[in-house]
Amino acid sequence: MDNIEGLLIDLDGTLYHGRHMIPGANLLIAGLREAGIPFLFVTNNSSRTPESVAAHLRGMGIEAKGEEVCTSSLAAARYISGESPGATVAILGEEGLHQACAEAGLTIVTESPQYVVQGIDRSFTYDSLARAARWIMDGAVSVLTNPDLMLPSDDGVMPGAGTIGAAIEAASGVAPIVIGKPHSHLMTYATSLLGIEPKNAIVVGDNMRTDIAAGAGAGCRTVLVLTGLTTEDNLEHYKSVTGITPDYICADLTELGTLLGLY
C-alpha cells in the first residue's frame, strides 16, 4: 500500500445499506481523518446534492462534509463545461443535477440545447422522452450521469437513470456519453478534485461490476470489501464476468482499516 495519496470510497453497500451504517464505517472515516489521508465519498447517485449525501451519512453517525462528496452529477456537469464552457443544456434529472450544472456555469434551457444531460428523473414522461430524442437527433450531445438500470428503495427496486437512458437511446438512435461507474470519467474527476494521479488513488467498493471496474479502468488501485453485492460465494463469478481481479480484498471495514494501517 505504498504511495497512497487518497481514497475514493463508494457508499451504498460499502459504508451503509439503505439507512443502516455498515459496522465499522464511522471508525474507518474517523481513522482516515486522524491519519491525514485524503478521501472522497464517490457515488453514482445523481439526484442528491453533495450536502444532502453528507447529511445522510451524518444521520447514520458517519462524519461527512458536502465538499467530501463527488457525485455523477458533478462529474457530468464538469465534463460538459470542460468540453464547452457555458454550453446550453437541457436537463432530465433532479435537484443534484440541476445544482451541479448551474454551479459549473452551464446555461440551462428548455429548447434547442447543445447538450442533453440525463440522470434519474422520477418525473420522466413520454413528452420528456420525445423532446430529448428530438434534440439529440437534431445534434445535441447526449450525456448520461450513470448507467444504473435499477435502484434499491424502501419499496423494493425501481428503475434507475440507465433505464431512462436506454429509452432515450432507443428513441434517438444515439448512444450517450456515460459518466458514472463502471465508466472511468467519475473516478478521473474525483482524483482531479483531490489533486492526485489515479495511480496513487485507491478505489474502495463492494461492486465488482461498477466500483472495481471503474477504478481499474481509470488506472487506480482497487480494494474490494465483501460488505455488499460481492461476497465470498460469488466473487469468482464476478472475476470471470468482469475479467478484473481487485488489488486487495477485505472481508469487512475493520480489515480495510487494518490494511491501511489505521488501527
Protein backbone atom coordinates (compact mmCIF):
# COMPACT_ATOMS: atom_id res chain seq x y z
CA MET A 1 0.00 0.00 0.00
CA ASP A 2 2.84 2.41 -0.84
CA ASN A 3 2.27 5.92 -2.22
CA ILE A 4 -1.34 6.21 -1.11
CA GLU A 5 -2.40 9.80 -1.68
CA GLY A 6 -6.16 9.43 -1.46
CA LEU A 7 -9.15 7.10 -1.27
CA LEU A 8 -12.30 7.13 -3.40
CA ILE A 9 -14.95 5.42 -1.30
CA ASP A 10 -18.25 4.01 -2.56
CA LEU A 11 -21.34 4.46 -0.38
CA ASP A 12 -24.26 2.04 -0.67
CA GLY A 13 -23.04 -1.47 0.05
CA THR A 14 -19.68 -0.18 1.26
CA LEU A 15 -20.45 2.24 4.10
CA TYR A 16 -24.16 1.60 4.52
CA HIS A 17 -27.16 -0.43 3.42
CA GLY A 18 -30.02 1.97 2.81
CA ARG A 19 -30.41 3.82 6.11
CA HIS A 20 -28.22 1.50 8.15
CA MET A 21 -24.49 2.00 8.64
CA ILE A 22 -22.27 -0.99 7.95
CA PRO A 23 -20.30 -1.83 11.12
CA GLY A 24 -17.00 0.00 11.27
CA ALA A 25 -17.83 2.69 8.68
CA ASN A 26 -17.70 5.52 11.21
CA LEU A 27 -14.42 4.26 12.65
CA LEU A 28 -12.88 3.94 9.17
CA ILE A 29 -13.69 7.55 8.26
CA ALA A 30 -12.54 8.80 11.66
CA GLY A 31 -9.30 6.84 11.23
CA LEU A 32 -8.66 8.36 7.80
CA ARG A 33 -9.14 11.84 9.24
CA GLU A 34 -6.80 11.14 12.14
CA ALA A 35 -4.16 9.73 9.79
CA GLY A 36 -4.50 12.70 7.43
CA ILE A 37 -5.33 10.52 4.43
CA PRO A 38 -7.43 12.48 1.91
CA PHE A 39 -10.62 10.84 0.68
CA LEU A 40 -13.87 11.44 -1.18
CA PHE A 41 -17.22 9.73 -0.98
CA VAL A 42 -17.89 8.81 -4.62
CA THR A 43 -21.38 7.90 -5.77
CA ASN A 44 -23.32 7.26 -8.97
CA ASN A 45 -26.33 8.89 -7.31
CA SER A 46 -27.31 11.87 -9.47
CA SER A 47 -30.42 13.00 -7.60
CA ARG A 48 -28.91 14.31 -4.38
CA THR A 49 -26.74 17.35 -3.85
CA PRO A 50 -23.37 16.75 -2.15
CA GLU A 51 -24.66 18.32 1.06
CA SER A 52 -27.72 16.04 1.01
CA VAL A 53 -25.47 12.99 0.66
CA ALA A 54 -23.29 14.23 3.52
CA ALA A 55 -26.37 14.79 5.69
CA HIS A 56 -27.48 11.22 5.00
CA LEU A 57 -24.08 9.96 6.17
CA ARG A 58 -24.09 12.15 9.27
CA GLY A 59 -27.55 10.87 10.13
CA MET A 60 -26.05 7.39 10.44
CA GLY A 61 -23.12 8.57 12.56
CA ILE A 62 -20.52 8.91 9.79
CA GLU A 63 -18.80 12.29 9.84
CA ALA A 64 -19.09 13.87 6.39
CA LYS A 65 -18.99 17.27 4.68
CA GLY A 66 -20.56 18.29 1.38
CA GLU A 67 -17.18 19.10 -0.12
CA GLU A 68 -16.11 15.50 0.52
CA VAL A 69 -18.83 14.12 -1.78
CA CYS A 70 -18.31 13.52 -5.50
CA THR A 71 -21.46 12.59 -7.45
CA SER A 72 -22.04 11.56 -11.04
CA SER A 73 -23.96 14.84 -11.50
CA LEU A 74 -20.90 16.89 -10.54
CA ALA A 75 -18.70 14.86 -12.88
CA ALA A 76 -21.20 15.14 -15.75
CA ALA A 77 -21.52 18.91 -15.36
CA ARG A 78 -17.75 19.35 -15.19
CA TYR A 79 -17.31 17.12 -18.24
CA ILE A 80 -19.67 19.30 -20.28
CA SER A 81 -18.16 22.57 -19.04
CA GLY A 82 -14.71 21.24 -19.87
CA GLU A 83 -15.78 20.40 -23.42
CA SER A 84 -17.91 23.52 -23.99
CA PRO A 85 -17.70 26.23 -21.29
CA GLY A 86 -21.08 27.91 -20.77
CA ALA A 87 -22.85 25.44 -23.07
CA THR A 88 -26.64 25.26 -23.17
CA VAL A 89 -28.01 22.11 -21.56
CA ALA A 90 -31.43 20.55 -21.24
CA ILE A 91 -31.70 18.56 -18.02
CA LEU A 92 -33.69 15.42 -17.41
CA GLY A 93 -32.94 14.94 -13.76
CA GLU A 94 -33.43 16.09 -10.21
CA GLU A 95 -32.02 18.61 -7.73
CA GLY A 96 -28.47 17.28 -7.66
CA LEU A 97 -28.08 17.51 -11.44
CA HIS A 98 -29.67 20.96 -11.71
CA GLN A 99 -27.41 22.35 -8.99
CA ALA A 100 -24.28 20.77 -10.47
CA CYS A 101 -24.95 22.20 -13.94
CA ALA A 102 -25.68 25.67 -12.59
CA GLU A 103 -22.52 25.68 -10.44
CA ALA A 104 -20.45 24.54 -13.44
CA GLY A 105 -21.51 27.67 -15.33
CA LEU A 106 -23.73 25.87 -17.83
CA THR A 107 -26.82 27.57 -19.26
CA ILE A 108 -29.95 25.58 -18.54
CA VAL A 109 -32.53 25.78 -21.33
CA THR A 110 -35.77 24.08 -22.33
CA GLU A 111 -35.34 24.37 -26.12
CA SER A 112 -32.56 23.73 -28.65
CA PRO A 113 -29.80 22.65 -26.24
CA GLN A 114 -26.23 21.85 -27.19
CA TYR A 115 -26.29 19.01 -24.65
CA VAL A 116 -28.97 16.77 -23.18
CA VAL A 117 -27.80 15.62 -19.75
CA GLN A 118 -29.87 12.96 -18.04
CA GLY A 119 -29.87 11.29 -14.66
CA ILE A 120 -32.53 9.69 -12.53
CA ASP A 121 -35.77 11.58 -13.18
CA ARG A 122 -38.83 10.43 -11.30
CA SER A 123 -40.98 12.94 -13.20
CA PHE A 124 -39.93 11.46 -16.58
CA THR A 125 -42.79 11.30 -19.10
CA TYR A 126 -43.49 10.33 -22.69
CA ASP A 127 -43.19 14.02 -23.58
CA SER A 128 -39.77 14.14 -21.90
CA LEU A 129 -38.69 11.17 -23.99
CA ALA A 130 -39.97 12.72 -27.22
CA ARG A 131 -38.28 16.07 -26.62
CA ALA A 132 -34.95 14.52 -25.60
CA ALA A 133 -34.93 12.24 -28.64
CA ARG A 134 -35.68 15.16 -30.99
CA TRP A 135 -32.95 17.34 -29.50
CA ILE A 136 -30.39 14.56 -29.83
CA MET A 137 -31.43 13.74 -33.39
CA ASP A 138 -31.04 17.47 -34.16
CA GLY A 139 -27.42 17.31 -32.98
CA ALA A 140 -27.39 17.78 -29.21
CA VAL A 141 -24.78 15.68 -27.39
CA SER A 142 -26.32 13.08 -25.10
CA VAL A 143 -24.70 12.72 -21.66
CA LEU A 144 -25.83 10.12 -19.11
CA THR A 145 -24.83 10.60 -15.48
CA ASN A 146 -24.79 6.89 -14.67
CA PRO A 147 -25.92 3.64 -16.27
CA ASP A 148 -27.61 2.01 -13.25
CA LEU A 149 -30.66 0.18 -14.56
CA MET A 150 -32.29 -0.44 -11.19
CA LEU A 151 -32.01 1.19 -7.76
CA PRO A 152 -32.87 -0.02 -4.27
CA SER A 153 -35.74 1.71 -2.49
CA ASP A 154 -37.92 1.23 0.58
CA ASP A 155 -40.49 -0.43 -1.68
CA GLY A 156 -38.01 -2.68 -3.47
CA VAL A 157 -36.06 -1.95 -6.65
CA MET A 158 -37.06 0.84 -9.02
CA PRO A 159 -35.85 1.91 -12.49
CA GLY A 160 -32.65 3.93 -12.46
CA ALA A 161 -31.03 6.52 -14.72
CA GLY A 162 -29.76 3.81 -17.05
CA THR A 163 -33.26 2.56 -17.76
CA ILE A 164 -34.39 6.04 -18.79
CA GLY A 165 -31.19 6.44 -20.78
CA ALA A 166 -31.90 3.19 -22.61
CA ALA A 167 -35.28 4.55 -23.71
CA ILE A 168 -33.73 7.80 -24.95
CA GLU A 169 -31.01 5.89 -26.80
CA ALA A 170 -33.59 3.62 -28.42
CA ALA A 171 -35.70 6.58 -29.50
CA SER A 172 -32.84 8.74 -30.79
CA GLY A 173 -30.57 6.02 -32.14
CA VAL A 174 -27.61 7.72 -30.42
CA ALA A 175 -25.57 6.21 -27.58
CA PRO A 176 -24.83 8.66 -24.75
CA ILE A 177 -21.52 9.59 -23.21
CA VAL A 178 -21.65 7.77 -19.86
CA ILE A 179 -20.00 9.43 -16.87
CA GLY A 180 -20.63 7.24 -13.81
CA LYS A 181 -19.31 3.85 -12.76
CA PRO A 182 -18.31 1.48 -14.37
CA HIS A 183 -17.00 4.12 -16.80
CA SER A 184 -13.88 5.99 -15.72
CA HIS A 185 -14.97 9.65 -16.03
CA LEU A 186 -16.26 9.80 -12.44
CA MET A 187 -13.06 8.37 -10.97
CA THR A 188 -10.86 10.60 -13.10
CA TYR A 189 -12.83 13.64 -11.97
CA ALA A 190 -12.62 12.56 -8.33
CA THR A 191 -8.84 12.18 -8.46
CA SER A 192 -8.61 15.64 -10.04
CA LEU A 193 -10.55 17.07 -7.10
CA LEU A 194 -8.02 15.54 -4.73
CA GLY A 195 -5.18 16.78 -6.92
CA ILE A 196 -3.61 13.34 -7.28
CA GLU A 197 -2.73 10.93 -10.06
CA PRO A 198 -5.10 7.94 -10.48
CA LYS A 199 -2.20 5.54 -9.89
CA ASN A 200 -1.85 6.96 -6.37
CA ALA A 201 -5.55 6.61 -5.56
CA ILE A 202 -7.34 3.63 -4.10
CA VAL A 203 -10.95 2.91 -5.02
CA VAL A 204 -12.90 1.14 -2.29
CA GLY A 205 -16.19 -0.56 -3.16
CA ASP A 206 -18.40 -3.61 -2.87
CA ASN A 207 -19.41 -3.99 -6.50
CA MET A 208 -17.07 -5.66 -8.98
CA ARG A 209 -19.12 -4.53 -12.00
CA THR A 210 -19.16 -0.84 -11.08
CA ASP A 211 -16.75 0.28 -8.34
CA ILE A 212 -13.86 -2.04 -9.06
CA ALA A 213 -14.30 -1.91 -12.85
CA ALA A 214 -14.35 1.90 -12.79
CA GLY A 215 -11.29 2.08 -10.57
CA ALA A 216 -9.33 -0.33 -12.72
CA GLY A 217 -10.41 1.47 -15.88
CA ALA A 218 -9.20 4.80 -14.51
CA GLY A 219 -5.81 3.36 -13.54
CA CYS A 220 -6.46 3.40 -9.79
CA ARG A 221 -5.67 0.64 -7.36
CA THR A 222 -8.71 -1.16 -6.03
CA VAL A 223 -9.92 -2.63 -2.75
CA LEU A 224 -12.99 -4.84 -2.79
CA VAL A 225 -14.85 -5.08 0.50
CA LEU A 226 -17.20 -8.03 0.94
CA THR A 227 -19.83 -5.93 2.68
CA GLY A 228 -22.41 -5.67 -0.08
CA LEU A 229 -23.09 -7.06 -3.52
CA THR A 230 -19.91 -9.11 -3.90
CA THR A 231 -19.48 -11.95 -1.42
CA GLU A 232 -17.12 -14.87 -0.95
CA ASP A 233 -19.71 -17.06 -2.68
CA ASN A 234 -19.99 -15.00 -5.88
CA LEU A 235 -16.52 -13.44 -6.03
CA GLU A 236 -15.12 -15.89 -8.58
CA HIS A 237 -18.19 -15.41 -10.76
CA TYR A 238 -17.70 -11.65 -10.82
CA LYS A 239 -13.99 -12.02 -11.51
CA SER A 240 -14.88 -14.13 -14.52
CA VAL A 241 -17.62 -11.79 -15.74
CA THR A 242 -15.55 -8.61 -15.41
CA GLY A 243 -12.12 -10.02 -16.21
CA ILE A 244 -10.82 -7.99 -13.25
CA THR A 245 -9.08 -9.02 -10.05
CA PRO A 246 -9.05 -6.42 -7.26
CA ASP A 247 -5.65 -5.44 -5.91
CA TYR A 248 -6.87 -6.19 -2.38
CA ILE A 249 -9.90 -7.95 -0.91
CA CYS A 250 -11.14 -7.25 2.62
CA ALA A 251 -13.85 -9.17 4.42
CA ASP A 252 -15.11 -6.06 6.21
CA LEU A 253 -14.27 -2.44 7.03
CA THR A 254 -12.23 -3.36 10.08
CA GLU A 255 -9.93 -5.42 7.89
CA LEU A 256 -9.70 -2.49 5.48
CA GLY A 257 -8.69 -0.17 8.32
CA THR A 258 -6.00 -2.60 9.35
CA LEU A 259 -4.75 -2.86 5.77
CA LEU A 260 -4.47 0.94 5.65
CA GLY A 261 -2.61 0.98 8.96
CA LEU A 262 -5.34 2.95 10.76
CA TYR A 263 -5.74 0.56 13.68
